[in-house]
């Protein structure tokens, strides 16, 4: 895969779907790119697609699956050397950590915003 992943229209579509909370479609779009991408960018894509699936599990009431995939996605995104692909990964991961903690406490997530991928300033 070209090192210019962030310019790929499929990547832009995946990010847009993610930010629209279209979790299933976002997962599929990230996964297509993931198959074509090498590390370390591959690790970032896998983190994004795991968070997408975690959100899909939440929608379907699978709290255990959501908890597991939040943890796995966070682990990948927090790994030293994982490229941010232009996004504010600290902000993104903080949102996911908050959601994960609420899930672990069996608390209501309705007051917690859905994760979004925001470009760094």
N, C-alpha and C. Protein backbone atom coordinates (compact mmCIF):
# COMPACT_ATOMS: atom_id res chain seq x y z
N UNK A 1 0.85 -1.18 0.00
CA UNK A 1 0.00 0.00 0.00
C UNK A 1 0.88 1.23 0.00
N UNK A 2 0.43 2.22 -0.68
CA UNK A 2 1.13 3.50 -0.72
C UNK A 2 1.22 4.10 0.67
N UNK A 3 2.34 4.77 0.95
CA UNK A 3 2.43 5.43 2.26
C UNK A 3 1.43 6.57 2.39
N UNK A 4 0.77 6.91 1.31
CA UNK A 4 -0.19 8.01 1.33
C UNK A 4 -1.60 7.52 1.63
N UNK A 5 -1.71 6.66 2.60
CA UNK A 5 -2.99 6.08 2.99
C UNK A 5 -4.05 7.14 3.26
N UNK A 6 -3.67 8.21 3.93
CA UNK A 6 -4.66 9.21 4.33
C UNK A 6 -5.25 9.95 3.13
N UNK A 7 -4.60 9.87 1.97
CA UNK A 7 -5.14 10.50 0.77
C UNK A 7 -6.03 9.56 -0.04
N UNK A 8 -6.06 8.30 0.33
CA UNK A 8 -6.87 7.31 -0.37
C UNK A 8 -8.34 7.63 -0.14
N UNK A 9 -9.13 7.77 -1.20
CA UNK A 9 -10.56 8.08 -1.03
C UNK A 9 -11.30 7.05 -0.18
N UNK A 10 -10.83 5.82 -0.19
CA UNK A 10 -11.47 4.78 0.63
C UNK A 10 -11.23 5.04 2.11
N UNK A 11 -10.06 5.56 2.44
CA UNK A 11 -9.76 5.90 3.82
C UNK A 11 -10.66 7.07 4.27
N UNK A 12 -10.76 8.06 3.43
CA UNK A 12 -11.62 9.21 3.76
C UNK A 12 -13.07 8.77 3.94
N UNK A 13 -13.51 7.82 3.10
CA UNK A 13 -14.87 7.29 3.24
C UNK A 13 -15.02 6.54 4.56
N UNK A 14 -14.04 5.74 4.93
CA UNK A 14 -14.10 4.97 6.18
C UNK A 14 -14.18 5.92 7.37
N UNK A 15 -13.38 6.98 7.37
CA UNK A 15 -13.41 7.95 8.46
C UNK A 15 -14.77 8.64 8.51
N UNK A 16 -15.30 9.01 7.37
CA UNK A 16 -16.61 9.65 7.32
C UNK A 16 -17.69 8.72 7.88
N UNK A 17 -17.68 7.47 7.47
CA UNK A 17 -18.65 6.50 7.99
C UNK A 17 -18.51 6.33 9.50
N UNK A 18 -17.27 6.28 9.97
CA UNK A 18 -17.03 6.16 11.41
C UNK A 18 -17.63 7.37 12.14
N UNK A 19 -17.35 8.55 11.64
CA UNK A 19 -17.82 9.76 12.31
C UNK A 19 -19.34 9.95 12.21
N UNK A 20 -19.97 9.24 11.29
CA UNK A 20 -21.44 9.23 11.20
C UNK A 20 -22.06 8.10 12.02
N UNK A 21 -21.21 7.39 12.76
CA UNK A 21 -21.65 6.24 13.58
C UNK A 21 -22.24 5.12 12.74
N UNK A 22 -21.75 4.98 11.53
CA UNK A 22 -22.13 3.86 10.65
C UNK A 22 -21.10 2.76 10.88
N UNK A 23 -21.23 2.10 12.02
CA UNK A 23 -20.18 1.22 12.52
C UNK A 23 -19.88 0.04 11.62
N UNK A 24 -20.90 -0.63 11.13
CA UNK A 24 -20.68 -1.82 10.30
C UNK A 24 -19.96 -1.44 9.01
N UNK A 25 -20.44 -0.39 8.36
CA UNK A 25 -19.85 0.06 7.11
C UNK A 25 -18.44 0.60 7.33
N UNK A 26 -18.23 1.31 8.44
CA UNK A 26 -16.89 1.82 8.75
C UNK A 26 -15.92 0.66 8.95
N UNK A 27 -16.37 -0.36 9.69
CA UNK A 27 -15.52 -1.53 9.90
C UNK A 27 -15.13 -2.16 8.58
N UNK A 28 -16.11 -2.37 7.70
CA UNK A 28 -15.81 -2.98 6.40
C UNK A 28 -14.82 -2.15 5.60
N UNK A 29 -15.00 -0.84 5.63
CA UNK A 29 -14.11 0.05 4.88
C UNK A 29 -12.69 0.04 5.44
N UNK A 30 -12.56 0.11 6.76
CA UNK A 30 -11.23 0.04 7.36
C UNK A 30 -10.59 -1.32 7.12
N UNK A 31 -11.40 -2.37 7.18
CA UNK A 31 -10.86 -3.72 7.00
C UNK A 31 -10.31 -3.91 5.59
N UNK A 32 -10.99 -3.38 4.59
CA UNK A 32 -10.51 -3.48 3.21
C UNK A 32 -9.11 -2.87 3.09
N UNK A 33 -8.93 -1.70 3.68
CA UNK A 33 -7.62 -1.04 3.66
C UNK A 33 -6.59 -1.80 4.51
N UNK A 34 -7.04 -2.32 5.63
CA UNK A 34 -6.16 -3.05 6.55
C UNK A 34 -5.49 -4.22 5.84
N UNK A 35 -6.25 -4.92 4.98
CA UNK A 35 -5.70 -6.06 4.24
C UNK A 35 -4.57 -5.65 3.30
N UNK A 36 -4.57 -4.40 2.86
CA UNK A 36 -3.60 -3.92 1.88
C UNK A 36 -2.45 -3.13 2.51
N UNK A 37 -2.48 -2.94 3.81
CA UNK A 37 -1.57 -2.02 4.47
C UNK A 37 -0.58 -2.78 5.37
N UNK A 38 0.62 -2.26 5.44
CA UNK A 38 1.66 -2.83 6.30
C UNK A 38 1.75 -2.03 7.59
N UNK A 39 2.38 -2.66 8.61
CA UNK A 39 2.65 -1.93 9.85
C UNK A 39 3.62 -0.80 9.55
N UNK A 40 3.57 0.26 10.29
CA UNK A 40 2.77 0.49 11.49
C UNK A 40 1.37 1.04 11.20
N UNK A 41 1.11 1.51 9.95
CA UNK A 41 -0.22 2.04 9.64
C UNK A 41 -1.30 0.98 9.80
N UNK A 42 -0.96 -0.25 9.53
CA UNK A 42 -1.91 -1.36 9.67
C UNK A 42 -2.43 -1.45 11.11
N UNK A 43 -1.55 -1.21 12.07
CA UNK A 43 -1.94 -1.26 13.48
C UNK A 43 -2.99 -0.19 13.79
N UNK A 44 -2.80 1.01 13.24
CA UNK A 44 -3.77 2.08 13.46
C UNK A 44 -5.12 1.71 12.86
N UNK A 45 -5.11 1.21 11.64
CA UNK A 45 -6.36 0.79 10.99
C UNK A 45 -7.06 -0.30 11.80
N UNK A 46 -6.29 -1.25 12.30
CA UNK A 46 -6.90 -2.31 13.09
C UNK A 46 -7.53 -1.75 14.35
N UNK A 47 -6.88 -0.80 14.99
CA UNK A 47 -7.46 -0.15 16.16
C UNK A 47 -8.78 0.52 15.83
N UNK A 48 -8.82 1.23 14.70
CA UNK A 48 -10.05 1.90 14.28
C UNK A 48 -11.16 0.89 13.99
N UNK A 49 -10.81 -0.18 13.31
CA UNK A 49 -11.86 -1.15 12.97
C UNK A 49 -12.33 -1.91 14.20
N UNK A 50 -11.44 -2.15 15.17
CA UNK A 50 -11.88 -2.80 16.41
C UNK A 50 -12.81 -1.89 17.21
N UNK A 51 -12.55 -0.61 17.23
CA UNK A 51 -13.44 0.31 17.92
C UNK A 51 -14.79 0.35 17.20
N UNK A 52 -14.77 0.30 15.86
CA UNK A 52 -16.02 0.25 15.09
C UNK A 52 -16.86 -0.97 15.49
N UNK A 53 -16.20 -2.11 15.61
CA UNK A 53 -16.92 -3.34 15.98
C UNK A 53 -17.39 -3.26 17.43
N UNK A 54 -16.60 -2.64 18.30
CA UNK A 54 -17.03 -2.46 19.69
C UNK A 54 -18.33 -1.67 19.73
N UNK A 55 -18.41 -0.62 18.93
CA UNK A 55 -19.62 0.20 18.88
C UNK A 55 -20.80 -0.60 18.32
N UNK A 56 -20.53 -1.42 17.34
CA UNK A 56 -21.58 -2.28 16.78
C UNK A 56 -22.07 -3.26 17.84
N UNK A 57 -21.16 -3.83 18.62
CA UNK A 57 -21.56 -4.72 19.72
C UNK A 57 -22.43 -3.97 20.72
N UNK A 58 -22.08 -2.73 21.02
CA UNK A 58 -22.90 -1.94 21.95
C UNK A 58 -24.31 -1.77 21.43
N UNK A 59 -24.43 -1.43 20.15
CA UNK A 59 -25.76 -1.26 19.54
C UNK A 59 -26.59 -2.53 19.67
N UNK A 60 -25.94 -3.66 19.60
CA UNK A 60 -26.64 -4.95 19.63
C UNK A 60 -26.74 -5.54 21.03
N UNK A 61 -26.25 -4.79 22.03
CA UNK A 61 -26.38 -5.23 23.41
C UNK A 61 -25.34 -6.22 23.88
N UNK A 62 -24.30 -6.43 23.10
CA UNK A 62 -23.22 -7.35 23.48
C UNK A 62 -22.16 -6.57 24.24
N UNK A 63 -22.37 -6.39 25.53
CA UNK A 63 -21.47 -5.57 26.34
C UNK A 63 -20.11 -6.23 26.54
N UNK A 64 -20.09 -7.54 26.63
CA UNK A 64 -18.81 -8.25 26.79
C UNK A 64 -17.96 -8.07 25.53
N UNK A 65 -18.57 -8.27 24.38
CA UNK A 65 -17.84 -8.08 23.12
C UNK A 65 -17.33 -6.66 22.97
N UNK A 66 -18.15 -5.68 23.33
CA UNK A 66 -17.74 -4.28 23.24
C UNK A 66 -16.56 -4.01 24.16
N UNK A 67 -16.63 -4.54 25.37
CA UNK A 67 -15.55 -4.34 26.34
C UNK A 67 -14.24 -4.92 25.82
N UNK A 68 -14.29 -6.12 25.30
CA UNK A 68 -13.09 -6.78 24.79
C UNK A 68 -12.49 -5.99 23.63
N UNK A 69 -13.33 -5.59 22.68
CA UNK A 69 -12.81 -4.90 21.51
C UNK A 69 -12.35 -3.48 21.81
N UNK A 70 -12.98 -2.81 22.75
CA UNK A 70 -12.46 -1.51 23.20
C UNK A 70 -11.04 -1.68 23.73
N UNK A 71 -10.86 -2.69 24.58
CA UNK A 71 -9.54 -2.94 25.16
C UNK A 71 -8.49 -3.27 24.11
N UNK A 72 -8.85 -4.12 23.16
CA UNK A 72 -7.90 -4.50 22.10
C UNK A 72 -7.58 -3.31 21.21
N UNK A 73 -8.60 -2.54 20.84
CA UNK A 73 -8.37 -1.37 20.00
C UNK A 73 -7.49 -0.35 20.70
N UNK A 74 -7.78 -0.09 21.97
CA UNK A 74 -6.96 0.85 22.74
C UNK A 74 -5.51 0.37 22.84
N UNK A 75 -5.35 -0.92 23.07
CA UNK A 75 -4.00 -1.47 23.16
C UNK A 75 -3.19 -1.21 21.90
N UNK A 76 -3.80 -1.39 20.76
CA UNK A 76 -3.11 -1.14 19.50
C UNK A 76 -2.82 0.35 19.31
N UNK A 77 -3.81 1.18 19.57
CA UNK A 77 -3.64 2.62 19.34
C UNK A 77 -2.67 3.26 20.32
N UNK A 78 -2.53 2.67 21.50
CA UNK A 78 -1.62 3.22 22.52
C UNK A 78 -0.21 2.63 22.42
N UNK A 79 0.01 1.67 21.51
CA UNK A 79 1.33 1.08 21.34
C UNK A 79 2.31 2.14 20.82
N UNK A 80 3.46 2.21 21.46
CA UNK A 80 4.49 3.16 21.07
C UNK A 80 4.82 3.00 19.59
N UNK A 81 4.84 4.10 18.86
CA UNK A 81 5.17 4.07 17.45
C UNK A 81 3.98 3.91 16.52
N UNK A 82 2.77 3.83 17.09
CA UNK A 82 1.58 3.73 16.24
C UNK A 82 1.33 5.10 15.62
N UNK A 83 1.29 5.17 14.28
CA UNK A 83 1.08 6.47 13.64
C UNK A 83 -0.34 6.99 13.87
N UNK A 84 -0.46 8.30 14.01
CA UNK A 84 -1.78 8.89 14.28
C UNK A 84 -2.56 9.18 13.00
N UNK A 85 -1.91 9.05 11.85
CA UNK A 85 -2.54 9.29 10.55
C UNK A 85 -3.20 10.67 10.47
N UNK A 86 -2.69 11.60 11.24
CA UNK A 86 -3.20 12.97 11.22
C UNK A 86 -4.30 13.25 12.22
N UNK A 87 -4.70 12.25 12.99
CA UNK A 87 -5.80 12.41 13.94
C UNK A 87 -5.28 12.65 15.35
N UNK A 88 -6.11 13.25 16.17
CA UNK A 88 -5.79 13.46 17.57
C UNK A 88 -6.09 12.16 18.31
N UNK A 89 -5.10 11.26 18.31
CA UNK A 89 -5.32 9.95 18.93
C UNK A 89 -5.44 10.03 20.44
N UNK A 90 -4.80 11.04 21.05
CA UNK A 90 -4.94 11.18 22.51
C UNK A 90 -6.39 11.47 22.87
N UNK A 91 -7.01 12.39 22.16
CA UNK A 91 -8.42 12.72 22.40
C UNK A 91 -9.31 11.51 22.11
N UNK A 92 -9.04 10.85 21.00
CA UNK A 92 -9.82 9.67 20.61
C UNK A 92 -9.72 8.58 21.67
N UNK A 93 -8.50 8.28 22.08
CA UNK A 93 -8.29 7.21 23.07
C UNK A 93 -8.89 7.59 24.43
N UNK A 94 -8.86 8.86 24.78
CA UNK A 94 -9.48 9.29 26.04
C UNK A 94 -10.97 9.03 26.03
N UNK A 95 -11.61 9.28 24.90
CA UNK A 95 -13.04 9.00 24.75
C UNK A 95 -13.31 7.50 24.90
N UNK A 96 -12.49 6.69 24.25
CA UNK A 96 -12.67 5.23 24.32
C UNK A 96 -12.42 4.73 25.74
N UNK A 97 -11.39 5.26 26.39
CA UNK A 97 -11.11 4.87 27.77
C UNK A 97 -12.27 5.19 28.70
N UNK A 98 -12.89 6.33 28.49
CA UNK A 98 -14.05 6.71 29.31
C UNK A 98 -15.20 5.73 29.07
N UNK A 99 -15.46 5.42 27.80
CA UNK A 99 -16.54 4.49 27.47
C UNK A 99 -16.25 3.10 28.06
N UNK A 100 -15.00 2.67 27.95
CA UNK A 100 -14.61 1.37 28.49
C UNK A 100 -14.80 1.32 30.00
N UNK A 101 -14.38 2.36 30.68
CA UNK A 101 -14.52 2.40 32.14
C UNK A 101 -16.00 2.35 32.54
N UNK A 102 -16.84 3.10 31.83
CA UNK A 102 -18.28 3.07 32.12
C UNK A 102 -18.86 1.68 31.89
N UNK A 103 -18.42 1.02 30.82
CA UNK A 103 -18.88 -0.35 30.55
C UNK A 103 -18.47 -1.28 31.68
N UNK A 104 -17.23 -1.16 32.11
CA UNK A 104 -16.73 -2.03 33.18
C UNK A 104 -17.47 -1.80 34.49
N UNK A 105 -17.94 -0.57 34.69
CA UNK A 105 -18.72 -0.25 35.90
C UNK A 105 -20.21 -0.54 35.72
N UNK A 106 -20.56 -1.01 34.52
CA UNK A 106 -21.96 -1.27 34.17
C UNK A 106 -22.81 -0.01 34.31
N UNK A 107 -22.20 1.13 33.96
CA UNK A 107 -22.87 2.43 34.03
C UNK A 107 -23.47 2.77 32.67
N UNK A 108 -24.30 3.78 32.66
CA UNK A 108 -24.99 4.23 31.46
C UNK A 108 -24.03 5.02 30.56
N UNK A 109 -23.95 4.63 29.31
CA UNK A 109 -23.09 5.31 28.36
C UNK A 109 -23.80 6.45 27.62
N UNK A 110 -25.07 6.65 27.88
CA UNK A 110 -25.83 7.64 27.11
C UNK A 110 -25.31 9.07 27.30
N UNK A 111 -24.66 9.34 28.42
CA UNK A 111 -24.11 10.67 28.66
C UNK A 111 -22.73 10.84 28.02
N UNK A 112 -22.20 9.78 27.48
CA UNK A 112 -20.86 9.78 26.90
C UNK A 112 -20.98 9.87 25.38
N UNK A 113 -20.27 10.81 24.78
CA UNK A 113 -20.37 11.00 23.34
C UNK A 113 -19.77 9.81 22.58
N UNK A 114 -20.30 9.58 21.38
CA UNK A 114 -19.74 8.57 20.50
C UNK A 114 -18.34 8.99 20.08
N UNK A 115 -17.45 8.05 19.88
CA UNK A 115 -16.11 8.41 19.44
C UNK A 115 -16.13 8.97 18.02
N UNK A 116 -15.28 9.93 17.77
CA UNK A 116 -15.09 10.49 16.43
C UNK A 116 -13.60 10.67 16.18
N UNK A 117 -13.24 10.63 14.93
CA UNK A 117 -11.86 10.83 14.52
C UNK A 117 -11.70 12.28 14.10
N UNK A 118 -10.97 13.04 14.91
CA UNK A 118 -10.80 14.48 14.68
C UNK A 118 -9.36 14.73 14.25
N UNK A 119 -9.22 15.50 13.18
CA UNK A 119 -7.88 15.84 12.70
C UNK A 119 -7.16 16.71 13.72
N UNK A 120 -5.85 16.49 13.82
CA UNK A 120 -5.03 17.32 14.72
C UNK A 120 -5.00 18.74 14.17
N UNK A 121 -4.87 19.68 15.11
CA UNK A 121 -4.77 21.09 14.70
C UNK A 121 -3.34 21.50 14.59
